[in-house]
Amino acid sequence: QVQLVESGGGSVQAGGSLRLSCVAYGYWGISCMGWFRQAPGKEREGVATIELDGTTTYADSVKGRFTISKDNAKNTQYLQMNSLKPEDTAMYYCAANYDYCHGIPYNMNVWGKGTLVTISS
């Protein structure tokens, strides 16, 4: 019954920032949450995850630029994206898992519809 709804995508120039949000409706059973992205012609890749205890994991390509966080009271997770690059252009998907992620798994249990992020040079 868990549903994920993303927001915050848009178009921004290189060097700019965006903050993505994902609200989880029906939060019961969710252990780990995270963000994935997929560009046309490329495989889906993990961006970041955050565990119940706050432990985070980031892809090497976004370390130092992106920050994942959550607000348990609002059943919401966020992805703050700074110093954006054209190669960050992709559809970004919110995902949730009923188990501990142990890094960035690709078999998450629940997926959102996605929000498009476009970075121009």
N, C-alpha and C. Protein backbone atom coordinates (compact mmCIF):
# COMPACT_ATOMS: atom_id res chain seq x y z
N GLN A 1 0.81 -1.22 0.00
CA GLN A 1 0.00 0.00 0.00
C GLN A 1 0.85 1.27 0.00
N VAL A 2 2.14 1.14 0.16
CA VAL A 2 3.01 2.31 0.17
C VAL A 2 3.10 2.91 -1.22
N GLN A 3 2.95 4.22 -1.30
CA GLN A 3 3.09 4.95 -2.55
C GLN A 3 4.08 6.10 -2.35
N LEU A 4 4.92 6.34 -3.36
CA LEU A 4 5.93 7.38 -3.31
C LEU A 4 5.63 8.44 -4.35
N VAL A 5 5.73 9.71 -3.94
CA VAL A 5 5.47 10.83 -4.84
C VAL A 5 6.64 11.79 -4.79
N GLU A 6 7.34 11.95 -5.94
CA GLU A 6 8.48 12.85 -6.03
C GLU A 6 8.06 14.23 -6.51
N SER A 7 8.89 15.22 -6.18
CA SER A 7 8.70 16.58 -6.67
C SER A 7 10.03 17.31 -6.60
N GLY A 8 10.12 18.46 -7.26
CA GLY A 8 11.31 19.28 -7.19
C GLY A 8 12.18 19.27 -8.43
N GLY A 9 11.86 18.44 -9.40
CA GLY A 9 12.63 18.40 -10.63
C GLY A 9 12.42 19.66 -11.44
N GLY A 10 13.30 19.88 -12.39
CA GLY A 10 13.21 21.06 -13.23
C GLY A 10 14.45 21.23 -14.07
N SER A 11 14.60 22.41 -14.64
CA SER A 11 15.75 22.73 -15.49
C SER A 11 16.60 23.80 -14.82
N VAL A 12 17.90 23.58 -14.78
CA VAL A 12 18.82 24.53 -14.16
C VAL A 12 20.15 24.50 -14.90
N GLN A 13 20.88 25.60 -14.86
CA GLN A 13 22.18 25.67 -15.50
C GLN A 13 23.25 24.98 -14.67
N ALA A 14 24.30 24.55 -15.32
CA ALA A 14 25.42 23.91 -14.63
C ALA A 14 25.91 24.80 -13.49
N GLY A 15 26.20 24.17 -12.36
CA GLY A 15 26.64 24.90 -11.19
C GLY A 15 25.52 25.27 -10.23
N GLY A 16 24.29 25.11 -10.68
CA GLY A 16 23.14 25.44 -9.86
C GLY A 16 22.76 24.33 -8.91
N SER A 17 21.63 24.52 -8.21
CA SER A 17 21.17 23.56 -7.21
C SER A 17 19.69 23.26 -7.37
N LEU A 18 19.31 22.08 -6.92
CA LEU A 18 17.92 21.66 -6.86
C LEU A 18 17.74 20.79 -5.63
N ARG A 19 16.53 20.79 -5.08
CA ARG A 19 16.22 19.89 -3.98
C ARG A 19 15.00 19.06 -4.35
N LEU A 20 15.18 17.76 -4.39
CA LEU A 20 14.11 16.84 -4.68
C LEU A 20 13.46 16.37 -3.38
N SER A 21 12.16 16.15 -3.42
CA SER A 21 11.43 15.66 -2.26
C SER A 21 10.66 14.41 -2.66
N CYS A 22 10.45 13.53 -1.70
CA CYS A 22 9.67 12.32 -1.93
C CYS A 22 8.85 12.03 -0.68
N VAL A 23 7.54 12.04 -0.84
CA VAL A 23 6.64 11.74 0.27
C VAL A 23 6.19 10.29 0.17
N ALA A 24 6.30 9.56 1.27
CA ALA A 24 5.86 8.18 1.33
C ALA A 24 4.51 8.11 2.02
N TYR A 25 3.50 7.69 1.27
CA TYR A 25 2.16 7.52 1.83
C TYR A 25 2.00 6.07 2.25
N GLY A 26 1.74 5.87 3.53
CA GLY A 26 1.70 4.52 4.06
C GLY A 26 3.10 4.09 4.43
N TYR A 27 3.67 4.74 5.41
CA TYR A 27 5.08 4.56 5.76
C TYR A 27 5.37 3.27 6.50
N TRP A 28 4.36 2.58 6.98
CA TRP A 28 4.56 1.35 7.73
C TRP A 28 5.38 0.34 6.95
N GLY A 29 6.40 -0.20 7.59
CA GLY A 29 7.21 -1.25 6.99
C GLY A 29 8.43 -0.77 6.23
N ILE A 30 8.54 0.53 5.98
CA ILE A 30 9.68 1.06 5.25
C ILE A 30 10.90 1.13 6.15
N SER A 31 12.01 0.60 5.67
CA SER A 31 13.25 0.60 6.43
C SER A 31 14.27 1.55 5.82
N CYS A 32 14.50 1.41 4.53
CA CYS A 32 15.49 2.21 3.82
C CYS A 32 14.83 2.96 2.67
N MET A 33 15.30 4.18 2.41
CA MET A 33 14.81 4.95 1.28
C MET A 33 15.99 5.48 0.49
N GLY A 34 15.76 5.80 -0.79
CA GLY A 34 16.86 6.28 -1.59
C GLY A 34 16.43 6.89 -2.91
N TRP A 35 17.43 7.29 -3.69
CA TRP A 35 17.22 7.90 -4.99
C TRP A 35 18.03 7.18 -6.05
N PHE A 36 17.41 7.01 -7.21
CA PHE A 36 18.05 6.42 -8.37
C PHE A 36 17.81 7.34 -9.56
N ARG A 37 18.59 7.18 -10.62
CA ARG A 37 18.38 8.00 -11.80
C ARG A 37 18.68 7.21 -13.06
N GLN A 38 18.07 7.66 -14.15
CA GLN A 38 18.29 7.01 -15.43
C GLN A 38 18.22 8.03 -16.55
N ALA A 39 19.27 8.10 -17.35
CA ALA A 39 19.33 8.98 -18.51
C ALA A 39 19.02 8.15 -19.75
N PRO A 40 18.53 8.78 -20.82
CA PRO A 40 18.23 8.06 -22.06
C PRO A 40 19.44 7.29 -22.57
N GLY A 41 19.24 6.01 -22.88
CA GLY A 41 20.32 5.20 -23.41
C GLY A 41 21.29 4.68 -22.37
N LYS A 42 21.04 4.93 -21.11
CA LYS A 42 21.93 4.47 -20.04
C LYS A 42 21.18 3.60 -19.04
N GLU A 43 21.93 2.80 -18.32
CA GLU A 43 21.35 1.95 -17.29
C GLU A 43 20.97 2.78 -16.08
N ARG A 44 19.98 2.32 -15.35
CA ARG A 44 19.59 2.97 -14.12
C ARG A 44 20.74 2.85 -13.12
N GLU A 45 21.01 3.92 -12.42
CA GLU A 45 22.09 3.90 -11.44
C GLU A 45 21.61 4.43 -10.09
N GLY A 46 22.16 3.87 -9.04
CA GLY A 46 21.84 4.33 -7.71
C GLY A 46 22.56 5.64 -7.41
N VAL A 47 21.89 6.52 -6.70
CA VAL A 47 22.45 7.81 -6.34
C VAL A 47 22.81 7.85 -4.86
N ALA A 48 21.84 7.53 -4.01
CA ALA A 48 22.07 7.58 -2.58
C ALA A 48 20.97 6.83 -1.84
N THR A 49 21.28 6.33 -0.65
CA THR A 49 20.29 5.70 0.21
C THR A 49 20.50 6.17 1.64
N ILE A 50 19.43 6.06 2.43
CA ILE A 50 19.50 6.40 3.85
C ILE A 50 18.72 5.36 4.64
N GLU A 51 19.35 4.80 5.67
CA GLU A 51 18.76 3.76 6.49
C GLU A 51 17.92 4.34 7.61
N LEU A 52 17.21 3.47 8.32
CA LEU A 52 16.42 3.90 9.47
C LEU A 52 17.28 4.60 10.50
N ASP A 53 18.49 4.10 10.70
CA ASP A 53 19.38 4.68 11.71
C ASP A 53 20.14 5.90 11.20
N GLY A 54 19.87 6.33 9.97
CA GLY A 54 20.51 7.51 9.42
C GLY A 54 21.76 7.26 8.60
N THR A 55 22.21 6.03 8.54
CA THR A 55 23.39 5.69 7.75
C THR A 55 23.14 5.99 6.27
N THR A 56 24.07 6.65 5.62
CA THR A 56 23.91 7.01 4.21
C THR A 56 24.99 6.39 3.34
N THR A 57 24.65 6.19 2.08
CA THR A 57 25.58 5.71 1.08
C THR A 57 25.38 6.54 -0.18
N TYR A 58 26.49 6.95 -0.80
CA TYR A 58 26.43 7.76 -2.01
C TYR A 58 27.21 7.13 -3.14
N ALA A 59 26.74 7.34 -4.35
CA ALA A 59 27.51 6.95 -5.52
C ALA A 59 28.73 7.86 -5.60
N ASP A 60 29.84 7.33 -6.09
CA ASP A 60 31.06 8.12 -6.19
C ASP A 60 30.87 9.39 -7.01
N SER A 61 30.02 9.32 -8.02
CA SER A 61 29.82 10.45 -8.92
C SER A 61 29.13 11.65 -8.28
N VAL A 62 28.50 11.45 -7.12
CA VAL A 62 27.77 12.55 -6.48
C VAL A 62 28.30 12.91 -5.11
N LYS A 63 29.28 12.18 -4.61
CA LYS A 63 29.84 12.46 -3.29
C LYS A 63 30.39 13.88 -3.23
N GLY A 64 30.05 14.58 -2.16
CA GLY A 64 30.50 15.94 -1.98
C GLY A 64 29.60 16.97 -2.61
N ARG A 65 28.67 16.53 -3.47
CA ARG A 65 27.75 17.44 -4.14
C ARG A 65 26.30 17.23 -3.73
N PHE A 66 25.91 15.98 -3.51
CA PHE A 66 24.53 15.65 -3.15
C PHE A 66 24.45 15.24 -1.68
N THR A 67 23.31 15.53 -1.05
CA THR A 67 23.07 15.13 0.32
C THR A 67 21.66 14.56 0.45
N ILE A 68 21.56 13.34 0.98
CA ILE A 68 20.26 12.73 1.21
C ILE A 68 19.89 12.91 2.68
N SER A 69 18.63 13.19 2.94
CA SER A 69 18.16 13.37 4.31
C SER A 69 16.71 12.94 4.39
N LYS A 70 16.17 12.91 5.61
CA LYS A 70 14.77 12.53 5.77
C LYS A 70 14.15 13.24 6.95
N ASP A 71 12.83 13.34 6.91
CA ASP A 71 12.05 13.91 7.99
C ASP A 71 11.00 12.86 8.33
N ASN A 72 11.24 12.10 9.38
CA ASN A 72 10.35 11.00 9.74
C ASN A 72 8.93 11.47 10.07
N ALA A 73 8.81 12.63 10.68
CA ALA A 73 7.50 13.16 11.04
C ALA A 73 6.64 13.43 9.82
N LYS A 74 7.28 13.76 8.70
CA LYS A 74 6.56 14.06 7.46
C LYS A 74 6.60 12.90 6.47
N ASN A 75 7.22 11.79 6.86
CA ASN A 75 7.38 10.64 5.97
C ASN A 75 7.97 11.07 4.63
N THR A 76 8.99 11.89 4.70
CA THR A 76 9.56 12.49 3.51
C THR A 76 11.08 12.36 3.48
N GLN A 77 11.62 12.09 2.30
CA GLN A 77 13.06 12.11 2.11
C GLN A 77 13.40 13.18 1.09
N TYR A 78 14.64 13.67 1.16
CA TYR A 78 15.08 14.75 0.30
C TYR A 78 16.42 14.42 -0.34
N LEU A 79 16.66 15.03 -1.48
CA LEU A 79 17.96 14.95 -2.12
C LEU A 79 18.36 16.36 -2.50
N GLN A 80 19.29 16.93 -1.74
CA GLN A 80 19.83 18.25 -2.05
C GLN A 80 20.96 18.08 -3.04
N MET A 81 20.83 18.70 -4.20
CA MET A 81 21.81 18.55 -5.27
C MET A 81 22.47 19.90 -5.55
N ASN A 82 23.76 19.98 -5.30
CA ASN A 82 24.53 21.20 -5.53
C ASN A 82 25.58 20.97 -6.60
N SER A 83 26.12 22.05 -7.13
CA SER A 83 27.17 21.99 -8.15
C SER A 83 26.77 21.05 -9.27
N LEU A 84 25.56 21.20 -9.76
CA LEU A 84 25.04 20.29 -10.77
C LEU A 84 25.81 20.38 -12.08
N LYS A 85 25.94 19.23 -12.72
CA LYS A 85 26.66 19.09 -13.98
C LYS A 85 25.71 18.57 -15.06
N PRO A 86 26.01 18.83 -16.33
CA PRO A 86 25.17 18.30 -17.41
C PRO A 86 24.97 16.79 -17.33
N GLU A 87 25.98 16.07 -16.87
CA GLU A 87 25.87 14.62 -16.76
C GLU A 87 24.92 14.16 -15.65
N ASP A 88 24.43 15.10 -14.84
CA ASP A 88 23.43 14.77 -13.83
C ASP A 88 22.03 14.73 -14.43
N THR A 89 21.88 15.15 -15.67
CA THR A 89 20.59 15.14 -16.34
C THR A 89 20.04 13.72 -16.41
N ALA A 90 18.83 13.53 -15.89
CA ALA A 90 18.23 12.20 -15.85
C ALA A 90 16.84 12.29 -15.24
N MET A 91 16.11 11.18 -15.34
CA MET A 91 14.88 11.03 -14.59
C MET A 91 15.29 10.48 -13.23
N TYR A 92 14.88 11.16 -12.18
CA TYR A 92 15.23 10.74 -10.83
C TYR A 92 14.04 10.05 -10.17
N TYR A 93 14.30 8.87 -9.62
CA TYR A 93 13.26 8.07 -9.00
C TYR A 93 13.48 7.91 -7.51
N CYS A 94 12.43 8.11 -6.76
CA CYS A 94 12.43 7.82 -5.33
C CYS A 94 12.13 6.34 -5.16
N ALA A 95 12.77 5.71 -4.20
CA ALA A 95 12.54 4.29 -3.94
C ALA A 95 12.58 4.00 -2.45
N ALA A 96 11.90 2.93 -2.06
CA ALA A 96 11.86 2.52 -0.66
C ALA A 96 12.01 1.02 -0.56
N ASN A 97 12.56 0.57 0.55
CA ASN A 97 12.81 -0.84 0.77
C ASN A 97 12.30 -1.26 2.14
N TYR A 98 11.79 -2.48 2.23
CA TYR A 98 11.28 -2.99 3.50
C TYR A 98 12.39 -3.59 4.36
N ASP A 99 13.57 -3.68 3.82
CA ASP A 99 14.73 -4.21 4.53
C ASP A 99 15.86 -3.20 4.52
N TYR A 100 16.88 -3.48 5.32
CA TYR A 100 18.08 -2.66 5.34
C TYR A 100 18.71 -2.69 3.95
N CYS A 101 19.15 -1.52 3.46
CA CYS A 101 19.70 -1.45 2.11
C CYS A 101 21.10 -2.04 1.99
N HIS A 102 21.92 -1.87 3.00
CA HIS A 102 23.31 -2.33 2.96
C HIS A 102 24.02 -1.78 1.73
N GLY A 103 23.93 -0.48 1.55
CA GLY A 103 24.54 0.16 0.40
C GLY A 103 23.46 0.70 -0.52
N ILE A 104 23.61 0.47 -1.82
CA ILE A 104 22.60 0.91 -2.79
C ILE A 104 22.14 -0.29 -3.60
N PRO A 105 21.08 -0.96 -3.15
CA PRO A 105 20.57 -2.11 -3.90
C PRO A 105 19.70 -1.66 -5.07
N TYR A 106 19.47 -2.55 -6.02
CA TYR A 106 18.65 -2.21 -7.19
C TYR A 106 17.30 -2.91 -7.17
N ASN A 107 17.08 -3.75 -6.17
CA ASN A 107 15.81 -4.45 -6.04
C ASN A 107 14.96 -3.85 -4.93
N MET A 108 14.79 -2.54 -4.95
CA MET A 108 13.97 -1.86 -3.97
C MET A 108 12.51 -2.31 -4.15
N ASN A 109 11.74 -2.27 -3.08
CA ASN A 109 10.38 -2.79 -3.10
C ASN A 109 9.35 -1.85 -3.72
N VAL A 110 9.54 -0.55 -3.56
CA VAL A 110 8.56 0.43 -4.02
C VAL A 110 9.26 1.55 -4.78
N TRP A 111 8.65 1.96 -5.88
CA TRP A 111 9.23 3.01 -6.72
C TRP A 111 8.22 4.11 -7.01
N GLY A 112 8.72 5.36 -7.11
CA GLY A 112 7.89 6.47 -7.51
C GLY A 112 7.85 6.57 -9.03
N LYS A 113 7.09 7.53 -9.54
CA LYS A 113 6.94 7.72 -10.98
C LYS A 113 8.11 8.45 -11.61
N GLY A 114 8.88 9.18 -10.82
CA GLY A 114 10.04 9.90 -11.32
C GLY A 114 9.80 11.39 -11.49
N THR A 115 10.87 12.16 -11.39
CA THR A 115 10.83 13.59 -11.65
C THR A 115 12.06 13.95 -12.49
N LEU A 116 11.85 14.72 -13.54
CA LEU A 116 12.91 14.99 -14.51
C LEU A 116 13.80 16.15 -14.08
N VAL A 117 15.11 15.91 -14.16
CA VAL A 117 16.11 16.93 -13.86
C VAL A 117 16.95 17.16 -15.11
N THR A 118 17.00 18.40 -15.57
CA THR A 118 17.75 18.74 -16.78
C THR A 118 18.75 19.84 -16.46
N ILE A 119 20.03 19.56 -16.72
CA ILE A 119 21.10 20.52 -16.44
C ILE A 119 21.71 20.96 -17.76
N SER A 120 21.67 22.25 -18.02
CA SER A 120 22.22 22.80 -19.26
C SER A 120 23.59 23.40 -19.01
N SER A 121 24.43 23.39 -20.04
CA SER A 121 25.77 23.93 -19.93
C SER A 121 25.82 25.39 -20.34
